[in-house]
Amino acid sequence: MTVVVGRLSAATLDALADALERGVLVAPLGLLSVGRVVPATETADALRLLEQLQASGISDSGVSSTLRLAADARRAGDSRPAPSLVWSDLDIAGSRDTSVVCRELFRSAEKAVLLSTFSLGHKASESEEKGNPVLKPLAQRMHERPGLTVRLFVNLRRLVHMAHASEREVEDTFLVWFRREIWPWDTVPEVYYDPRSLSTSGEDSACLHAKCVVVDDARALVTSANLTEAAQARNIEAGVLLEDGMFARALRRQFESLIDRGLVRRLT
C-alpha cells in the first residue's frame, strides 16, 4: 500500500477523498469509474489503493480520512527541498562542491554551528598565513556575529612519542598545535573530544569519525570529507546537503547529548 500511495499526487488523493464523500465512487470499483475522477496516468494505482483500503475493512468515511492524511503528508514531502549531492574533486555529474557548500554554510550562520571531523590536519608553508583555510570563513563569521555559538567535535589522538604522557599533557599539546596551526584567530569555538581516543588499552579505545556540519538547526551536511583542504579539494569524497530542520535538529541533539551525558570532554 505504501508503494502505491507514494506514486500518487496529493491532488489525486484529495480527488479520491472528495469522490467518496460525495458518493461518486461506489462498489464495485473499476478503471472506468475511477478514471472519471483522477488523471489517466494515475488511474491504475488509484484503483489499486482503493481496493486495498476497502479490503482492509475500513468504512468509506475511514478511507476518505486516510486519503486526506496521505495527501497532507505528500504535500509536506513535496514542499521539502530535495537532498543535494555534495562531492569533492573529479566532478563529472554536476554535483555541488564540498568546499563551496562549507563556505556557504559558514557564511550564512546566524545563531549556531556544530561541526564534527576526524582530522583537522593542516600545516602552513613558510609563505602562507597560519590557520586551516577550510575554517577561515567560519572564523570570519564568528567575528562578524559575536553571539554565534560554534561547537567543534574532533578526534584527539595519542601520538607515538606521547605513549606514556598523561591525558592533560596530550590535551595541552593538541591545544598548542590547534591555536598555532589550525585556529590562530581571536574568537575560538568550543572544542570537544571523546576521551576514549586516548586510551592505552586497545579494547577501550575509540575514535570520533563522524564528518558533518549543522547550521542554525536548518541545514546539515553529512559527508565523508574531513575539515581539511586535502579532503575538500583533492580527495574523492561524497556527501549530502539536507535543508531539513527536523533532521538538522536531530543531528545536533545527538552530538549535544554526548556533552550532557559526559561522554565527551571539552578542551580548555
Protein backbone atom coordinates (compact mmCIF):
# COMPACT_ATOMS: atom_id res chain seq x y z
CA MET A 1 0.00 0.00 0.00
CA THR A 2 2.79 2.42 0.89
CA VAL A 3 4.40 1.98 -2.53
CA VAL A 4 1.12 2.76 -4.31
CA VAL A 5 0.47 5.87 -2.18
CA GLY A 6 3.96 7.11 -2.96
CA ARG A 7 3.17 7.11 -6.68
CA LEU A 8 0.00 9.21 -6.35
CA SER A 9 -0.07 13.01 -6.26
CA ALA A 10 -1.67 14.97 -3.43
CA ALA A 11 -4.28 16.27 -5.90
CA THR A 12 -5.28 12.71 -6.86
CA LEU A 13 -5.53 11.60 -3.23
CA ASP A 14 -7.76 14.60 -2.47
CA ALA A 15 -9.90 13.90 -5.56
CA LEU A 16 -10.48 10.31 -4.44
CA ALA A 17 -11.46 11.50 -0.95
CA ASP A 18 -13.88 14.05 -2.46
CA ALA A 19 -15.46 11.43 -4.70
CA LEU A 20 -16.00 9.04 -1.80
CA GLU A 21 -17.51 11.76 0.37
CA ARG A 22 -19.93 12.78 -2.42
CA GLY A 23 -20.89 9.18 -3.17
CA VAL A 24 -19.47 9.32 -6.70
CA LEU A 25 -17.28 6.25 -6.16
CA VAL A 26 -19.26 3.20 -5.09
CA ALA A 27 -18.58 -0.53 -5.28
CA PRO A 28 -17.86 -2.31 -7.47
CA LEU A 29 -15.00 -0.03 -8.46
CA GLY A 30 -13.37 -0.19 -11.87
CA LEU A 31 -10.92 1.65 -14.08
CA LEU A 32 -13.76 3.47 -15.81
CA SER A 33 -15.34 4.89 -12.64
CA VAL A 34 -12.00 5.81 -11.05
CA GLY A 35 -10.80 7.26 -14.36
CA ARG A 36 -13.59 9.84 -14.22
CA VAL A 37 -12.08 11.24 -11.03
CA VAL A 38 -8.29 11.13 -11.49
CA PRO A 39 -5.80 11.56 -14.38
CA ALA A 40 -5.38 8.57 -16.70
CA THR A 41 -1.70 8.19 -15.69
CA GLU A 42 -2.73 7.56 -12.07
CA THR A 43 -5.95 5.58 -12.57
CA ALA A 44 -4.49 2.09 -12.15
CA ASP A 45 -2.61 2.98 -8.95
CA ALA A 46 -5.64 4.85 -7.57
CA LEU A 47 -7.91 1.85 -8.16
CA ARG A 48 -5.37 -0.50 -6.54
CA LEU A 49 -5.13 1.76 -3.48
CA LEU A 50 -8.91 1.98 -3.05
CA GLU A 51 -9.26 -1.80 -3.37
CA GLN A 52 -6.56 -2.35 -0.74
CA LEU A 53 -8.14 0.11 1.70
CA GLN A 54 -11.64 -1.31 1.26
CA ALA A 55 -10.38 -4.88 1.56
CA SER A 56 -8.94 -3.97 4.97
CA GLY A 57 -12.48 -3.42 6.25
CA ILE A 58 -12.28 0.36 6.63
CA SER A 59 -15.54 2.24 6.08
CA ASP A 60 -15.87 4.75 3.21
CA SER A 61 -15.52 7.61 5.69
CA GLY A 62 -12.40 5.96 7.12
CA VAL A 63 -10.96 5.52 3.64
CA SER A 64 -11.67 9.18 2.90
CA SER A 65 -9.91 10.30 6.09
CA THR A 66 -6.93 8.08 5.29
CA LEU A 67 -6.67 9.58 1.81
CA ARG A 68 -6.77 13.11 3.26
CA LEU A 69 -3.93 12.30 5.65
CA ALA A 70 -1.91 10.77 2.81
CA ALA A 71 -2.49 13.90 0.69
CA ASP A 72 -1.30 16.17 3.52
CA ALA A 73 1.81 14.03 4.02
CA ARG A 74 2.52 14.10 0.29
CA ARG A 75 2.24 17.90 0.16
CA ALA A 76 4.57 18.23 3.15
CA GLY A 77 7.09 15.96 1.45
CA ASP A 78 6.83 17.83 -1.86
CA SER A 79 7.46 21.17 -0.12
CA ARG A 80 10.68 19.94 1.48
CA PRO A 81 13.83 20.68 -0.58
CA ALA A 82 15.39 17.61 -2.12
CA PRO A 83 18.79 16.46 -0.80
CA SER A 84 21.78 17.73 -2.78
CA LEU A 85 24.72 15.54 -3.72
CA VAL A 86 27.98 17.09 -2.49
CA TRP A 87 31.25 15.90 -4.00
CA SER A 88 34.98 16.55 -3.77
CA ASP A 89 37.23 16.51 -6.84
CA LEU A 90 36.75 14.86 -10.26
CA ASP A 91 33.15 16.05 -10.55
CA ILE A 92 31.56 14.84 -13.79
CA ALA A 93 27.88 14.75 -12.82
CA GLY A 94 27.08 18.34 -11.85
CA SER A 95 27.08 17.81 -8.09
CA ARG A 96 27.82 20.58 -5.59
CA ASP A 97 31.42 21.14 -4.49
CA THR A 98 32.25 20.30 -0.85
CA SER A 99 34.39 23.37 -0.25
CA VAL A 100 31.78 25.69 -1.76
CA VAL A 101 28.99 24.18 0.35
CA CYS A 102 31.05 24.50 3.54
CA ARG A 103 31.83 28.15 2.83
CA GLU A 104 28.16 28.87 2.15
CA LEU A 105 27.11 27.15 5.37
CA PHE A 106 29.65 29.03 7.46
CA ARG A 107 28.90 32.43 5.93
CA SER A 108 25.13 32.02 6.34
CA ALA A 109 25.26 31.08 10.04
CA GLU A 110 23.32 33.37 12.36
CA LYS A 111 22.94 31.53 15.67
CA ALA A 112 24.79 28.22 15.95
CA VAL A 113 27.19 25.95 14.08
CA LEU A 114 28.09 22.40 15.03
CA LEU A 115 31.00 20.66 13.29
CA SER A 116 32.49 17.20 13.57
CA THR A 117 35.63 15.90 11.89
CA PHE A 118 38.10 13.08 12.21
CA SER A 119 41.03 15.16 11.02
CA LEU A 120 41.96 18.85 11.04
CA GLY A 121 45.39 18.23 9.57
CA HIS A 122 46.96 21.39 8.17
CA LYS A 123 50.40 22.95 8.29
CA ALA A 124 51.01 26.23 6.51
CA SER A 125 54.17 26.66 4.48
CA GLU A 126 56.55 29.45 5.39
CA SER A 127 54.94 31.74 2.81
CA GLU A 128 51.36 31.03 3.94
CA GLU A 129 49.42 32.61 6.76
CA LYS A 130 48.59 30.35 9.68
CA GLY A 131 45.20 28.72 10.03
CA ASN A 132 43.20 25.96 8.36
CA PRO A 133 41.78 27.63 5.18
CA VAL A 134 38.63 25.50 5.37
CA LEU A 135 37.79 27.01 8.76
CA LYS A 136 38.76 30.61 7.99
CA PRO A 137 35.27 31.60 6.67
CA LEU A 138 33.78 30.31 9.92
CA ALA A 139 36.28 32.31 11.99
CA GLN A 140 35.36 35.41 9.99
CA ARG A 141 31.66 34.76 10.60
CA MET A 142 32.27 34.40 14.33
CA HIS A 143 33.99 37.80 14.27
CA GLU A 144 31.02 39.32 12.42
CA ARG A 145 28.44 37.64 14.69
CA PRO A 146 29.76 37.81 18.29
CA GLY A 147 26.76 35.83 19.55
CA LEU A 148 27.35 32.91 17.19
CA THR A 149 27.83 29.62 19.10
CA VAL A 150 30.28 27.20 17.49
CA ARG A 151 30.95 23.70 18.79
CA LEU A 152 33.68 21.65 17.17
CA PHE A 153 33.97 17.88 17.79
CA VAL A 154 37.36 16.44 16.89
CA ASN A 155 39.26 13.18 17.14
CA LEU A 156 42.16 13.60 19.52
CA ARG A 157 44.94 11.04 19.06
CA ARG A 158 47.76 9.97 21.34
CA LEU A 159 50.87 10.29 19.18
CA VAL A 160 53.58 7.65 19.41
CA HIS A 161 56.03 9.87 21.25
CA MET A 162 53.34 10.57 23.89
CA ALA A 163 52.58 6.93 24.64
CA HIS A 164 53.20 7.43 28.36
CA ALA A 165 52.02 11.04 28.67
CA SER A 166 49.05 11.97 30.83
CA GLU A 167 45.75 12.90 29.23
CA ARG A 168 46.28 16.51 30.29
CA GLU A 169 49.67 16.58 28.56
CA VAL A 170 48.14 15.21 25.36
CA GLU A 171 45.35 17.78 25.54
CA ASP A 172 47.79 20.65 26.10
CA THR A 173 49.97 19.54 23.19
CA PHE A 174 46.93 19.40 20.92
CA LEU A 175 45.72 22.82 22.05
CA VAL A 176 49.11 24.43 21.34
CA TRP A 177 49.07 22.95 17.83
CA PHE A 178 45.42 23.85 17.33
CA ARG A 179 45.92 27.51 18.23
CA ARG A 180 49.17 27.81 16.27
CA GLU A 181 48.39 25.90 13.07
CA ILE A 182 44.62 25.38 12.85
CA TRP A 183 42.83 28.24 14.60
CA PRO A 184 45.08 31.28 15.23
CA TRP A 185 42.13 33.71 15.15
CA ASP A 186 40.90 35.57 18.22
CA THR A 187 37.39 34.13 18.62
CA VAL A 188 37.71 30.43 19.44
CA PRO A 189 35.00 27.72 19.21
CA GLU A 190 34.15 25.23 21.93
CA VAL A 191 36.19 22.09 21.20
CA TYR A 192 35.18 18.59 22.37
CA TYR A 193 36.70 15.14 22.02
CA ASP A 194 35.96 11.56 23.07
CA PRO A 195 38.42 10.67 25.90
CA ARG A 196 38.31 7.02 24.85
CA SER A 197 40.56 8.01 21.93
CA LEU A 198 43.41 8.47 24.42
CA SER A 199 43.02 5.05 25.99
CA THR A 200 46.18 2.99 26.07
CA SER A 201 44.10 -0.18 26.03
CA GLY A 202 43.15 -1.39 22.58
CA GLU A 203 39.86 -2.80 23.82
CA ASP A 204 38.71 0.51 25.32
CA SER A 205 39.89 2.87 22.59
CA ALA A 206 37.56 4.54 20.10
CA CYS A 207 37.70 7.36 17.61
CA LEU A 208 35.38 10.19 16.64
CA HIS A 209 34.98 9.54 12.93
CA ALA A 210 31.81 11.48 12.02
CA LYS A 211 32.14 14.30 9.49
CA CYS A 212 29.26 16.77 9.42
CA VAL A 213 28.18 20.40 9.73
CA VAL A 214 24.89 21.67 11.19
CA VAL A 215 23.89 25.34 10.86
CA ASP A 216 21.08 27.10 12.74
CA ASP A 217 19.05 23.88 13.14
CA ALA A 218 18.06 24.33 9.49
CA ARG A 219 20.76 22.87 7.23
CA ALA A 220 23.03 19.87 7.62
CA LEU A 221 25.93 18.48 5.61
CA VAL A 222 26.87 14.84 6.21
CA THR A 223 29.98 13.86 4.30
CA SER A 224 32.97 11.57 4.11
CA ALA A 225 35.20 14.66 3.83
CA ASN A 226 37.19 15.91 6.80
CA LEU A 227 37.53 19.62 7.51
CA THR A 228 40.84 19.68 5.67
CA GLU A 229 41.98 21.26 2.42
CA ALA A 230 43.02 17.86 1.04
CA ALA A 231 39.61 16.30 1.70
CA GLN A 232 37.72 19.21 0.18
CA ALA A 233 39.95 19.96 -2.80
CA ARG A 234 41.88 16.83 -3.80
CA ASN A 235 40.38 13.64 -2.37
CA ILE A 236 37.32 11.90 -3.81
CA GLU A 237 34.65 12.44 -1.15
CA ALA A 238 30.85 12.12 -1.18
CA GLY A 239 28.21 13.78 0.99
CA VAL A 240 24.65 15.04 1.14
CA LEU A 241 23.29 18.51 1.99
CA LEU A 242 19.89 18.45 3.68
CA GLU A 243 17.83 21.61 4.12
CA ASP A 244 15.61 19.86 6.62
CA GLY A 245 15.08 21.41 10.03
CA MET A 246 13.86 18.20 11.64
CA PHE A 247 16.95 16.27 10.55
CA ALA A 248 19.30 19.14 11.42
CA ARG A 249 17.89 19.38 14.96
CA ALA A 250 18.08 15.63 15.45
CA LEU A 251 21.72 15.55 14.36
CA ARG A 252 22.65 18.49 16.57
CA ARG A 253 20.88 16.96 19.58
CA GLN A 254 22.67 13.67 19.02
CA PHE A 255 26.03 15.38 19.46
CA GLU A 256 24.91 17.60 22.31
CA SER A 257 23.58 14.57 24.18
CA LEU A 258 27.22 13.40 24.31
CA ILE A 259 28.03 16.61 26.18
CA ASP A 260 25.03 16.32 28.51
CA ARG A 261 25.90 12.72 29.41
CA GLY A 262 29.58 13.48 29.96
CA LEU A 263 30.69 11.19 27.12
CA VAL A 264 32.85 13.87 25.50
CA ARG A 265 35.25 16.27 27.17
CA ARG A 266 35.70 19.95 26.44
CA LEU A 267 39.23 21.14 25.78
CA THR A 268 40.15 24.20 27.81
